[in-house]
């Protein structure tokens, strides 16, 4: 428990039988780790979404279709995704997970017929 509660604070809590400071510190550290993990996952998701956009030209909000987008909108999309998307990615998780599937469904399949 040393990683969660400072040993000197733990001794104080045991000596005074006042556990509120220890609980607060433990809860604070657990929440800090949860937010850290959430933000790291958000960063990885943002990198994936921006990479997908760079390769295919399809954004999270498209329906698997590549649409014309002027350069200023492309730059603003990338900047917004880098700054804001790591925080709000949970709201779009279904769209993110279905991005590649939607693209595959929209791609026309070509059949090659070889005549001899």
PDB file of N, CA and C in Angstrom:
ATOM      1  N   UNK A   1       0.811  -1.197   0.000  1.00  0.00           N
ATOM      2  CA  UNK A   1       0.000   0.000   0.000  1.00  0.00           C
ATOM      3  C   UNK A   1       0.856   1.263   0.000  1.00  0.00           C
ATOM      4  N   UNK A   2       2.181   1.117   0.013  1.00  0.00           N
ATOM      5  CA  UNK A   2       3.040   2.298   0.027  1.00  0.00           C
ATOM      6  C   UNK A   2       2.890   3.134  -1.242  1.00  0.00           C
ATOM      7  N   UNK A   3       2.568   2.506  -2.363  1.00  0.00           N
ATOM      8  CA  UNK A   3       2.407   3.255  -3.604  1.00  0.00           C
ATOM      9  C   UNK A   3       1.112   4.058  -3.610  1.00  0.00           C
ATOM     10  N   UNK A   4       0.182   3.662  -2.753  1.00  0.00           N
ATOM     11  CA  UNK A   4      -1.115   4.317  -2.725  1.00  0.00           C
ATOM     12  C   UNK A   4      -1.211   5.372  -1.624  1.00  0.00           C
ATOM     13  N   UNK A   5      -0.696   5.029  -0.450  1.00  0.00           N
ATOM     14  CA  UNK A   5      -0.758   5.947   0.697  1.00  0.00           C
ATOM     15  C   UNK A   5       0.655   6.125   1.233  1.00  0.00           C
ATOM     16  N   UNK A   6       1.020   7.348   1.475  1.00  0.00           N
ATOM     17  CA  UNK A   6       2.324   7.665   2.034  1.00  0.00           C
ATOM     18  C   UNK A   6       2.477   6.970   3.390  1.00  0.00           C
ATOM     19  N   UNK A   7       3.616   6.292   3.651  1.00  0.00           N
ATOM     20  CA  UNK A   7       3.775   5.567   4.920  1.00  0.00           C
ATOM     21  C   UNK A   7       3.624   6.449   6.162  1.00  0.00           C
ATOM     22  N   UNK A   8       4.118   7.672   6.118  1.00  0.00           N
ATOM     23  CA  UNK A   8       3.978   8.541   7.290  1.00  0.00           C
ATOM     24  C   UNK A   8       2.509   8.909   7.524  1.00  0.00           C
ATOM     25  N   UNK A   9       1.761   9.126   6.459  1.00  0.00           N
ATOM     26  CA  UNK A   9       0.334   9.409   6.594  1.00  0.00           C
ATOM     27  C   UNK A   9      -0.413   8.170   7.086  1.00  0.00           C
ATOM     28  N   UNK A  10       0.028   7.015   6.639  1.00  0.00           N
ATOM     29  CA  UNK A  10      -0.598   5.772   7.082  1.00  0.00           C
ATOM     30  C   UNK A  10      -0.386   5.569   8.586  1.00  0.00           C
ATOM     31  N   UNK A  11       0.821   5.851   9.053  1.00  0.00           N
ATOM     32  CA  UNK A  11       1.089   5.749  10.498  1.00  0.00           C
ATOM     33  C   UNK A  11       0.235   6.747  11.276  1.00  0.00           C
ATOM     34  N   UNK A  12       0.119   7.952  10.759  1.00  0.00           N
ATOM     35  CA  UNK A  12      -0.705   8.966  11.417  1.00  0.00           C
ATOM     36  C   UNK A  12      -2.153   8.510  11.505  1.00  0.00           C
ATOM     37  N   UNK A  13      -2.669   7.969  10.409  1.00  0.00           N
ATOM     38  CA  UNK A  13      -4.069   7.517  10.393  1.00  0.00           C
ATOM     39  C   UNK A  13      -4.291   6.378  11.382  1.00  0.00           C
ATOM     40  N   UNK A  14      -3.327   5.463  11.474  1.00  0.00           N
ATOM     41  CA  UNK A  14      -3.468   4.352  12.417  1.00  0.00           C
ATOM     42  C   UNK A  14      -3.364   4.832  13.859  1.00  0.00           C
ATOM     43  N   UNK A  15      -2.496   5.804  14.092  1.00  0.00           N
ATOM     44  CA  UNK A  15      -2.292   6.290  15.449  1.00  0.00           C
ATOM     45  C   UNK A  15      -3.513   7.080  15.944  1.00  0.00           C
ATOM     46  N   UNK A  16      -4.080   7.915  15.096  1.00  0.00           N
ATOM     47  CA  UNK A  16      -5.201   8.760  15.523  1.00  0.00           C
ATOM     48  C   UNK A  16      -6.564   8.131  15.259  1.00  0.00           C
ATOM     49  N   UNK A  17      -6.575   7.004  14.580  1.00  0.00           N
ATOM     50  CA  UNK A  17      -7.823   6.339  14.184  1.00  0.00           C
ATOM     51  C   UNK A  17      -8.711   7.259  13.334  1.00  0.00           C
ATOM     52  N   UNK A  18      -8.080   8.151  12.626  1.00  0.00           N
ATOM     53  CA  UNK A  18      -8.769   9.073  11.707  1.00  0.00           C
ATOM     54  C   UNK A  18      -8.342   8.668  10.290  1.00  0.00           C
ATOM     55  N   UNK A  19      -9.209   7.994   9.557  1.00  0.00           N
ATOM     56  CA  UNK A  19      -8.832   7.416   8.269  1.00  0.00           C
ATOM     57  C   UNK A  19      -9.240   8.262   7.063  1.00  0.00           C
ATOM     58  N   UNK A  20      -9.884   9.371   7.300  1.00  0.00           N
ATOM     59  CA  UNK A  20     -10.325  10.205   6.186  1.00  0.00           C
ATOM     60  C   UNK A  20      -9.164  10.721   5.329  1.00  0.00           C
ATOM     61  N   UNK A  21      -8.050  11.202   5.906  1.00  0.00           N
ATOM     62  CA  UNK A  21      -6.940  11.658   5.045  1.00  0.00           C
ATOM     63  C   UNK A  21      -6.352  10.531   4.204  1.00  0.00           C
ATOM     64  N   UNK A  22      -6.292   9.333   4.774  1.00  0.00           N
ATOM     65  CA  UNK A  22      -5.756   8.201   4.015  1.00  0.00           C
ATOM     66  C   UNK A  22      -6.687   7.817   2.870  1.00  0.00           C
ATOM     67  N   UNK A  23      -7.969   7.828   3.138  1.00  0.00           N
ATOM     68  CA  UNK A  23      -8.940   7.497   2.097  1.00  0.00           C
ATOM     69  C   UNK A  23      -8.898   8.548   0.994  1.00  0.00           C
ATOM     70  N   UNK A  24      -8.782   9.802   1.370  1.00  0.00           N
ATOM     71  CA  UNK A  24      -8.710  10.874   0.365  1.00  0.00           C
ATOM     72  C   UNK A  24      -7.473  10.731  -0.511  1.00  0.00           C
ATOM     73  N   UNK A  25      -6.330  10.422   0.120  1.00  0.00           N
ATOM     74  CA  UNK A  25      -5.114  10.273  -0.665  1.00  0.00           C
ATOM     75  C   UNK A  25      -5.207   9.053  -1.581  1.00  0.00           C
ATOM     76  N   UNK A  26      -5.749   7.964  -1.076  1.00  0.00           N
ATOM     77  CA  UNK A  26      -5.887   6.763  -1.901  1.00  0.00           C
ATOM     78  C   UNK A  26      -6.831   7.020  -3.073  1.00  0.00           C
ATOM     79  N   UNK A  27      -7.944   7.651  -2.799  1.00  0.00           N
ATOM     80  CA  UNK A  27      -8.906   7.958  -3.854  1.00  0.00           C
ATOM     81  C   UNK A  27      -8.313   8.922  -4.880  1.00  0.00           C
ATOM     82  N   UNK A  28      -7.548   9.875  -4.396  1.00  0.00           N
ATOM     83  CA  UNK A  28      -6.905  10.834  -5.284  1.00  0.00           C
ATOM     84  C   UNK A  28      -5.927  10.135  -6.225  1.00  0.00           C
ATOM     85  N   UNK A  29      -5.141   9.212  -5.697  1.00  0.00           N
ATOM     86  CA  UNK A  29      -4.176   8.513  -6.547  1.00  0.00           C
ATOM     87  C   UNK A  29      -4.863   7.580  -7.530  1.00  0.00           C
ATOM     88  N   UNK A  30      -5.917   6.908  -7.093  1.00  0.00           N
ATOM     89  CA  UNK A  30      -6.646   6.018  -8.000  1.00  0.00           C
ATOM     90  C   UNK A  30      -7.278   6.826  -9.133  1.00  0.00           C
ATOM     91  N   UNK A  31      -7.897   7.938  -8.810  1.00  0.00           N
ATOM     92  CA  UNK A  31      -8.498   8.783  -9.848  1.00  0.00           C
ATOM     93  C   UNK A  31      -7.445   9.361 -10.791  1.00  0.00           C
ATOM     94  N   UNK A  32      -6.288   9.709 -10.251  1.00  0.00           N
ATOM     95  CA  UNK A  32      -5.210  10.219 -11.099  1.00  0.00           C
ATOM     96  C   UNK A  32      -4.776   9.154 -12.106  1.00  0.00           C
ATOM     97  N   UNK A  33      -4.666   7.903 -11.658  1.00  0.00           N
ATOM     98  CA  UNK A  33      -4.292   6.821 -12.572  1.00  0.00           C
ATOM     99  C   UNK A  33      -5.383   6.554 -13.597  1.00  0.00           C
ATOM    100  N   UNK A  34      -6.633   6.611 -13.183  1.00  0.00           N
ATOM    101  CA  UNK A  34      -7.739   6.406 -14.129  1.00  0.00           C
ATOM    102  C   UNK A  34      -7.719   7.492 -15.202  1.00  0.00           C
ATOM    103  N   UNK A  35      -7.552   8.736 -14.807  1.00  0.00           N
ATOM    104  CA  UNK A  35      -7.498   9.829 -15.782  1.00  0.00           C
ATOM    105  C   UNK A  35      -6.266   9.723 -16.678  1.00  0.00           C
ATOM    106  N   UNK A  36      -5.156   9.269 -16.119  1.00  0.00           N
ATOM    107  CA  UNK A  36      -3.940   9.087 -16.908  1.00  0.00           C
ATOM    108  C   UNK A  36      -4.151   8.021 -17.982  1.00  0.00           C
ATOM    109  N   UNK A  37      -4.715   6.892 -17.592  1.00  0.00           N
ATOM    110  CA  UNK A  37      -4.972   5.814 -18.554  1.00  0.00           C
ATOM    111  C   UNK A  37      -5.978   6.270 -19.609  1.00  0.00           C
ATOM    112  N   UNK A  38      -7.032   6.961 -19.186  1.00  0.00           N
ATOM    113  CA  UNK A  38      -8.037   7.474 -20.120  1.00  0.00           C
ATOM    114  C   UNK A  38      -7.396   8.417 -21.140  1.00  0.00           C
ATOM    115  N   UNK A  39      -6.525   9.293 -20.679  1.00  0.00           N
ATOM    116  CA  UNK A  39      -5.900  10.241 -21.604  1.00  0.00           C
ATOM    117  C   UNK A  39      -4.895   9.555 -22.528  1.00  0.00           C
ATOM    118  N   UNK A  40      -4.198   8.528 -22.048  1.00  0.00           N
ATOM    119  CA  UNK A  40      -3.270   7.802 -22.912  1.00  0.00           C
ATOM    120  C   UNK A  40      -4.026   7.031 -23.998  1.00  0.00           C
ATOM    121  N   UNK A  41      -5.124   6.392 -23.625  1.00  0.00           N
ATOM    122  CA  UNK A  41      -5.950   5.705 -24.623  1.00  0.00           C
ATOM    123  C   UNK A  41      -6.504   6.728 -25.617  1.00  0.00           C
ATOM    124  N   UNK A  42      -6.928   7.876 -25.127  1.00  0.00           N
ATOM    125  CA  UNK A  42      -7.425   8.930 -26.008  1.00  0.00           C
ATOM    126  C   UNK A  42      -6.369   9.426 -26.976  1.00  0.00           C
ATOM    127  N   UNK A  43      -5.138   9.516 -26.518  1.00  0.00           N
ATOM    128  CA  UNK A  43      -4.050   9.933 -27.395  1.00  0.00           C
ATOM    129  C   UNK A  43      -3.812   8.901 -28.489  1.00  0.00           C
ATOM    130  N   UNK A  44      -3.807   7.625 -28.118  1.00  0.00           N
ATOM    131  CA  UNK A  44      -3.621   6.569 -29.115  1.00  0.00           C
ATOM    132  C   UNK A  44      -4.773   6.534 -30.117  1.00  0.00           C
ATOM    133  N   UNK A  45      -5.987   6.711 -29.632  1.00  0.00           N
ATOM    134  CA  UNK A  45      -7.152   6.743 -30.524  1.00  0.00           C
ATOM    135  C   UNK A  45      -7.052   7.940 -31.465  1.00  0.00           C
ATOM    136  N   UNK A  46      -6.620   9.076 -30.962  1.00  0.00           N
ATOM    137  CA  UNK A  46      -6.478  10.269 -31.808  1.00  0.00           C
ATOM    138  C   UNK A  46      -5.430  10.055 -32.888  1.00  0.00           C
ATOM    139  N   UNK A  47      -4.324   9.424 -32.529  1.00  0.00           N
ATOM    140  CA  UNK A  47      -3.285   9.135 -33.519  1.00  0.00           C
ATOM    141  C   UNK A  47      -3.826   8.187 -34.592  1.00  0.00           C
ATOM    142  N   UNK A  48      -4.602   7.189 -34.172  1.00  0.00           N
ATOM    143  CA  UNK A  48      -5.216   6.267 -35.137  1.00  0.00           C
ATOM    144  C   UNK A  48      -6.163   7.006 -36.077  1.00  0.00           C
ATOM    145  N   UNK A  49      -7.018   7.855 -35.518  1.00  0.00           N
ATOM    146  CA  UNK A  49      -8.007   8.575 -36.332  1.00  0.00           C
ATOM    147  C   UNK A  49      -7.312   9.528 -37.306  1.00  0.00           C
ATOM    148  N   UNK A  50      -6.294  10.221 -36.849  1.00  0.00           N
ATOM    149  CA  UNK A  50      -5.578  11.150 -37.732  1.00  0.00           C
ATOM    150  C   UNK A  50      -4.802  10.381 -38.795  1.00  0.00           C
ATOM    151  N   UNK A  51      -4.190   9.267 -38.410  1.00  0.00           N
ATOM    152  CA  UNK A  51      -3.506   8.431 -39.394  1.00  0.00           C
ATOM    153  C   UNK A  51      -4.461   7.887 -40.441  1.00  0.00           C
ATOM    154  N   UNK A  52      -5.629   7.461 -40.000  1.00  0.00           N
ATOM    155  CA  UNK A  52      -6.654   6.970 -40.927  1.00  0.00           C
ATOM    156  C   UNK A  52      -7.074   8.078 -41.885  1.00  0.00           C
ATOM    157  N   UNK A  53      -7.187   9.283 -41.376  1.00  0.00           N
ATOM    158  CA  UNK A  53      -7.544  10.429 -42.219  1.00  0.00           C
ATOM    159  C   UNK A  53      -6.435  10.728 -43.223  1.00  0.00           C
ATOM    160  N   UNK A  54      -5.177  10.671 -42.786  1.00  0.00           N
ATOM    161  CA  UNK A  54      -4.059  10.966 -43.681  1.00  0.00           C
ATOM    162  C   UNK A  54      -3.967   9.939 -44.814  1.00  0.00           C
ATOM    163  N   UNK A  55      -4.238   8.679 -44.491  1.00  0.00           N
ATOM    164  CA  UNK A  55      -4.106   7.626 -45.492  1.00  0.00           C
ATOM    165  C   UNK A  55      -5.308   7.580 -46.432  1.00  0.00           C
ATOM    166  N   UNK A  56      -6.511   7.651 -45.881  1.00  0.00           N
ATOM    167  CA  UNK A  56      -7.714   7.444 -46.695  1.00  0.00           C
ATOM    168  C   UNK A  56      -8.461   8.726 -47.035  1.00  0.00           C
ATOM    169  N   UNK A  57      -8.303   9.766 -46.237  1.00  0.00           N
ATOM    170  CA  UNK A  57      -9.057  10.995 -46.455  1.00  0.00           C
ATOM    171  C   UNK A  57     -10.446  10.961 -45.852  1.00  0.00           C
ATOM    172  N   UNK A  58     -10.731   9.936 -45.059  1.00  0.00           N
ATOM    173  CA  UNK A  58     -12.048   9.781 -44.446  1.00  0.00           C
ATOM    174  C   UNK A  58     -11.963  10.195 -42.984  1.00  0.00           C
ATOM    175  N   UNK A  59     -12.902  11.025 -42.551  1.00  0.00           N
ATOM    176  CA  UNK A  59     -12.922  11.470 -41.160  1.00  0.00           C
ATOM    177  C   UNK A  59     -13.823  10.561 -40.331  1.00  0.00           C
ATOM    178  N   UNK A  60     -13.825  10.779 -39.035  1.00  0.00           N
ATOM    179  CA  UNK A  60     -14.677  10.002 -38.135  1.00  0.00           C
ATOM    180  C   UNK A  60     -16.141  10.257 -38.449  1.00  0.00           C
ATOM    181  N   UNK A  61     -16.446  11.445 -38.892  1.00  0.00           N
ATOM    182  CA  UNK A  61     -17.825  11.860 -39.065  1.00  0.00           C
ATOM    183  C   UNK A  61     -18.381  11.544 -40.448  1.00  0.00           C
ATOM    184  N   UNK A  62     -17.541  11.053 -41.356  1.00  0.00           N
ATOM    185  CA  UNK A  62     -18.014  10.642 -42.674  1.00  0.00           C
ATOM    186  C   UNK A  62     -18.641   9.259 -42.567  1.00  0.00           C
ATOM    187  N   UNK A  63     -19.403   8.910 -43.567  1.00  0.00           N
ATOM    188  CA  UNK A  63     -20.032   7.588 -43.587  1.00  0.00           C
ATOM    189  C   UNK A  63     -19.242   6.613 -44.440  1.00  0.00           C
ATOM    190  N   UNK A  64     -17.947   6.687 -44.363  1.00  0.00           N
ATOM    191  CA  UNK A  64     -17.116   5.809 -45.165  1.00  0.00           C
ATOM    192  C   UNK A  64     -16.868   6.334 -46.562  1.00  0.00           C
ATOM    193  N   UNK A  65     -17.339   7.541 -46.858  1.00  0.00           N
ATOM    194  CA  UNK A  65     -17.144   8.164 -48.166  1.00  0.00           C
ATOM    195  C   UNK A  65     -16.103   9.260 -48.038  1.00  0.00           C
ATOM    196  N   UNK A  66     -15.263   9.330 -49.023  1.00  0.00           N
ATOM    197  CA  UNK A  66     -14.290  10.413 -49.047  1.00  0.00           C
ATOM    198  C   UNK A  66     -14.944  11.619 -49.698  1.00  0.00           C
ATOM    199  N   UNK A  67     -14.964  12.712 -48.981  1.00  0.00           N
ATOM    200  CA  UNK A  67     -15.584  13.939 -49.485  1.00  0.00           C
ATOM    201  C   UNK A  67     -14.510  14.995 -49.715  1.00  0.00           C
ATOM    202  N   UNK A  68     -14.823  15.911 -50.613  1.00  0.00           N
ATOM    203  CA  UNK A  68     -13.889  17.002 -50.877  1.00  0.00           C
ATOM    204  C   UNK A  68     -13.796  17.887 -49.638  1.00  0.00           C
ATOM    205  N   UNK A  69     -12.557  18.222 -49.273  1.00  0.00           N
ATOM    206  CA  UNK A  69     -12.340  19.085 -48.122  1.00  0.00           C
ATOM    207  C   UNK A  69     -11.196  20.041 -48.461  1.00  0.00           C
ATOM    208  N   UNK A  70     -11.421  21.349 -48.371  1.00  0.00           N
ATOM    209  CA  UNK A  70     -10.341  22.303 -48.639  1.00  0.00           C
ATOM    210  C   UNK A  70      -9.204  22.151 -47.616  1.00  0.00           C
ATOM    211  N   UNK A  71      -8.051  22.652 -47.987  1.00  0.00           N
ATOM    212  CA  UNK A  71      -6.868  22.490 -47.144  1.00  0.00           C
ATOM    213  C   UNK A  71      -7.051  23.114 -45.771  1.00  0.00           C
ATOM    214  N   UNK A  72      -7.708  24.248 -45.673  1.00  0.00           N
ATOM    215  CA  UNK A  72      -7.894  24.891 -44.365  1.00  0.00           C
ATOM    216  C   UNK A  72      -8.743  24.025 -43.446  1.00  0.00           C
ATOM    217  N   UNK A  73      -9.725  23.316 -44.001  1.00  0.00           N
ATOM    218  CA  UNK A  73     -10.540  22.421 -43.183  1.00  0.00           C
ATOM    219  C   UNK A  73      -9.773  21.163 -42.792  1.00  0.00           C
ATOM    220  N   UNK A  74      -8.888  20.704 -43.665  1.00  0.00           N
ATOM    221  CA  UNK A  74      -8.054  19.548 -43.324  1.00  0.00           C
ATOM    222  C   UNK A  74      -7.139  19.880 -42.153  1.00  0.00           C
ATOM    223  N   UNK A  75      -6.534  21.054 -42.214  1.00  0.00           N
ATOM    224  CA  UNK A  75      -5.637  21.474 -41.133  1.00  0.00           C
ATOM    225  C   UNK A  75      -6.407  21.662 -39.839  1.00  0.00           C
ATOM    226  N   UNK A  76      -7.561  22.285 -39.909  1.00  0.00           N
ATOM    227  CA  UNK A  76      -8.342  22.484 -38.681  1.00  0.00           C
ATOM    228  C   UNK A  76      -8.839  21.155 -38.128  1.00  0.00           C
ATOM    229  N   UNK A  77      -9.194  20.198 -38.989  1.00  0.00           N
ATOM    230  CA  UNK A  77      -9.618  18.874 -38.527  1.00  0.00           C
ATOM    231  C   UNK A  77      -8.494  18.192 -37.749  1.00  0.00           C
ATOM    232  N   UNK A  78      -7.288  18.241 -38.305  1.00  0.00           N
ATOM    233  CA  UNK A  78      -6.151  17.596 -37.643  1.00  0.00           C
ATOM    234  C   UNK A  78      -5.840  18.280 -36.315  1.00  0.00           C
ATOM    235  N   UNK A  79      -5.847  19.610 -36.283  1.00  0.00           N
ATOM    236  CA  UNK A  79      -5.564  20.323 -35.035  1.00  0.00           C
ATOM    237  C   UNK A  79      -6.622  20.049 -33.968  1.00  0.00           C
ATOM    238  N   UNK A  80      -7.875  20.068 -34.359  1.00  0.00           N
ATOM    239  CA  UNK A  80      -8.945  19.787 -33.392  1.00  0.00           C
ATOM    240  C   UNK A  80      -8.835  18.360 -32.882  1.00  0.00           C
ATOM    241  N   UNK A  81      -8.520  17.434 -33.761  1.00  0.00           N
ATOM    242  CA  UNK A  81      -8.379  16.044 -33.325  1.00  0.00           C
ATOM    243  C   UNK A  81      -7.217  15.876 -32.352  1.00  0.00           C
ATOM    244  N   UNK A  82      -6.131  16.577 -32.582  1.00  0.00           N
ATOM    245  CA  UNK A  82      -4.996  16.469 -31.660  1.00  0.00           C
ATOM    246  C   UNK A  82      -5.298  17.075 -30.298  1.00  0.00           C
ATOM    247  N   UNK A  83      -6.024  18.187 -30.273  1.00  0.00           N
ATOM    248  CA  UNK A  83      -6.230  18.897 -29.013  1.00  0.00           C
ATOM    249  C   UNK A  83      -7.469  18.456 -28.243  1.00  0.00           C
ATOM    250  N   UNK A  84      -8.564  18.212 -28.918  1.00  0.00           N
ATOM    251  CA  UNK A  84      -9.832  17.972 -28.234  1.00  0.00           C
ATOM    252  C   UNK A  84     -10.225  16.495 -28.208  1.00  0.00           C
ATOM    253  N   UNK A  85      -9.880  15.768 -29.243  1.00  0.00           N
ATOM    254  CA  UNK A  85     -10.372  14.396 -29.353  1.00  0.00           C
ATOM    255  C   UNK A  85      -9.880  13.465 -28.247  1.00  0.00           C
ATOM    256  N   UNK A  86      -8.653  13.610 -27.713  1.00  0.00           N
ATOM    257  CA  UNK A  86      -8.271  12.720 -26.605  1.00  0.00           C
ATOM    258  C   UNK A  86      -9.177  12.829 -25.386  1.00  0.00           C
ATOM    259  N   UNK A  87      -9.900  13.919 -25.250  1.00  0.00           N
ATOM    260  CA  UNK A  87     -10.791  14.086 -24.102  1.00  0.00           C
ATOM    261  C   UNK A  87     -12.169  13.504 -24.398  1.00  0.00           C
ATOM    262  N   UNK A  88     -12.662  13.717 -25.610  1.00  0.00           N
ATOM    263  CA  UNK A  88     -14.041  13.357 -25.942  1.00  0.00           C
ATOM    264  C   UNK A  88     -14.166  12.104 -26.802  1.00  0.00           C
ATOM    265  N   UNK A  89     -13.114  11.284 -26.889  1.00  0.00           N
ATOM    266  CA  UNK A  89     -13.178  10.136 -27.782  1.00  0.00           C
ATOM    267  C   UNK A  89     -14.212   9.105 -27.356  1.00  0.00           C
ATOM    268  N   UNK A  90     -14.539   9.026 -26.084  1.00  0.00           N
ATOM    269  CA  UNK A  90     -15.484   8.012 -25.608  1.00  0.00           C
ATOM    270  C   UNK A  90     -16.869   8.199 -26.227  1.00  0.00           C
ATOM    271  N   UNK A  91     -17.234   9.421 -26.545  1.00  0.00           N
ATOM    272  CA  UNK A  91     -18.545   9.670 -27.152  1.00  0.00           C
ATOM    273  C   UNK A  91     -18.616   9.146 -28.585  1.00  0.00           C
ATOM    274  N   UNK A  92     -17.473   8.987 -29.236  1.00  0.00           N
ATOM    275  CA  UNK A  92     -17.442   8.562 -30.634  1.00  0.00           C
ATOM    276  C   UNK A  92     -16.843   7.170 -30.804  1.00  0.00           C
ATOM    277  N   UNK A  93     -16.793   6.377 -29.752  1.00  0.00           N
ATOM    278  CA  UNK A  93     -16.086   5.096 -29.811  1.00  0.00           C
ATOM    279  C   UNK A  93     -16.712   4.148 -30.833  1.00  0.00           C
ATOM    280  N   UNK A  94     -18.028   4.151 -30.974  1.00  0.00           N
ATOM    281  CA  UNK A  94     -18.667   3.276 -31.971  1.00  0.00           C
ATOM    282  C   UNK A  94     -18.271   3.688 -33.389  1.00  0.00           C
ATOM    283  N   UNK A  95     -18.222   4.989 -33.637  1.00  0.00           N
ATOM    284  CA  UNK A  95     -17.815   5.469 -34.957  1.00  0.00           C
ATOM    285  C   UNK A  95     -16.358   5.130 -35.238  1.00  0.00           C
ATOM    286  N   UNK A  96     -15.524   5.229 -34.232  1.00  0.00           N
ATOM    287  CA  UNK A  96     -14.103   4.932 -34.406  1.00  0.00           C
ATOM    288  C   UNK A  96     -13.908   3.457 -34.725  1.00  0.00           C
ATOM    289  N   UNK A  97     -14.609   2.596 -34.000  1.00  0.00           N
ATOM    290  CA  UNK A  97     -14.460   1.161 -34.218  1.00  0.00           C
ATOM    291  C   UNK A  97     -15.000   0.720 -35.578  1.00  0.00           C
ATOM    292  N   UNK A  98     -15.960   1.436 -36.111  1.00  0.00           N
ATOM    293  CA  UNK A  98     -16.543   1.036 -37.395  1.00  0.00           C
ATOM    294  C   UNK A  98     -15.954   1.793 -38.582  1.00  0.00           C
ATOM    295  N   UNK A  99     -14.925   2.603 -38.376  1.00  0.00           N
ATOM    296  CA  UNK A  99     -14.356   3.391 -39.473  1.00  0.00           C
ATOM    297  C   UNK A  99     -13.848   2.515 -40.610  1.00  0.00           C
ATOM    298  N   UNK A 100     -13.028   1.532 -40.306  1.00  0.00           N
ATOM    299  CA  UNK A 100     -12.458   0.710 -41.375  1.00  0.00           C
ATOM    300  C   UNK A 100     -13.521  -0.179 -42.009  1.00  0.00           C
ATOM    301  N   UNK A 101     -14.492  -0.646 -41.220  1.00  0.00           N
ATOM    302  CA  UNK A 101     -15.568  -1.466 -41.789  1.00  0.00           C
ATOM    303  C   UNK A 101     -16.420  -0.664 -42.765  1.00  0.00           C
ATOM    304  N   UNK A 102     -16.738   0.585 -42.405  1.00  0.00           N
ATOM    305  CA  UNK A 102     -17.532   1.431 -43.301  1.00  0.00           C
ATOM    306  C   UNK A 102     -16.786   1.706 -44.590  1.00  0.00           C
ATOM    307  N   UNK A 103     -15.482   1.884 -44.484  1.00  0.00           N
ATOM    308  CA  UNK A 103     -14.690   2.152 -45.683  1.00  0.00           C
ATOM    309  C   UNK A 103     -14.677   0.926 -46.584  1.00  0.00           C
ATOM    310  N   UNK A 104     -14.527  -0.250 -46.005  1.00  0.00           N
ATOM    311  CA  UNK A 104     -14.513  -1.471 -46.812  1.00  0.00           C
ATOM    312  C   UNK A 104     -15.854  -1.707 -47.491  1.00  0.00           C
ATOM    313  N   UNK A 105     -16.940  -1.373 -46.821  1.00  0.00           N
ATOM    314  CA  UNK A 105     -18.262  -1.552 -47.420  1.00  0.00           C
ATOM    315  C   UNK A 105     -18.479  -0.592 -48.580  1.00  0.00           C
ATOM    316  N   UNK A 106     -17.904   0.599 -48.500  1.00  0.00           N
ATOM    317  CA  UNK A 106     -18.109   1.616 -49.532  1.00  0.00           C
ATOM    318  C   UNK A 106     -17.196   1.416 -50.735  1.00  0.00           C
ATOM    319  N   UNK A 107     -16.097   0.675 -50.574  1.00  0.00           N
ATOM    320  CA  UNK A 107     -15.183   0.480 -51.692  1.00  0.00           C
ATOM    321  C   UNK A 107     -15.834  -0.411 -52.736  1.00  0.00           C
ATOM    322  N   UNK A 108     -15.821   0.005 -53.969  1.00  0.00           N
ATOM    323  CA  UNK A 108     -16.394  -0.864 -55.004  1.00  0.00           C
ATOM    324  C   UNK A 108     -15.474  -2.057 -55.248  1.00  0.00           C
ATOM    325  N   UNK A 109     -16.081  -3.183 -55.446  1.00  0.00           N
ATOM    326  CA  UNK A 109     -15.300  -4.375 -55.746  1.00  0.00           C
ATOM    327  C   UNK A 109     -15.245  -4.526 -57.259  1.00  0.00           C
ATOM    328  N   UNK A 110     -14.069  -4.751 -57.756  1.00  0.00           N
ATOM    329  CA  UNK A 110     -13.886  -4.903 -59.189  1.00  0.00           C
ATOM    330  C   UNK A 110     -13.672  -6.372 -59.504  1.00  0.00           C
ATOM    331  N   UNK A 111     -14.256  -6.792 -60.589  1.00  0.00           N
ATOM    332  CA  UNK A 111     -14.081  -8.161 -61.043  1.00  0.00           C
ATOM    333  C   UNK A 111     -13.294  -8.115 -62.340  1.00  0.00           C
ATOM    334  N   UNK A 112     -12.301  -8.929 -62.416  1.00  0.00           N
ATOM    335  CA  UNK A 112     -11.478  -8.986 -63.614  1.00  0.00           C
ATOM    336  C   UNK A 112     -11.876 -10.228 -64.395  1.00  0.00           C
ATOM    337  N   UNK A 113     -12.242 -10.015 -65.624  1.00  0.00           N
ATOM    338  CA  UNK A 113     -12.604 -11.126 -66.504  1.00  0.00           C
ATOM    339  C   UNK A 113     -11.518 -11.241 -67.557  1.00  0.00           C
ATOM    340  N   UNK A 114     -10.919 -12.391 -67.608  1.00  0.00           N
ATOM    341  CA  UNK A 114      -9.851 -12.624 -68.583  1.00  0.00           C
ATOM    342  C   UNK A 114     -10.414 -13.509 -69.687  1.00  0.00           C
ATOM    343  N   UNK A 115     -10.380 -12.997 -70.889  1.00  0.00           N
ATOM    344  CA  UNK A 115     -10.853 -13.767 -72.036  1.00  0.00           C
ATOM    345  C   UNK A 115      -9.657 -14.181 -72.863  1.00  0.00           C
ATOM    346  N   UNK A 116      -9.697 -15.410 -73.291  1.00  0.00           N
ATOM    347  CA  UNK A 116      -8.583 -15.859 -74.126  1.00  0.00           C
ATOM    348  C   UNK A 116      -9.051 -16.397 -75.449  1.00  0.00           C
TER     349      UNK A 116
END
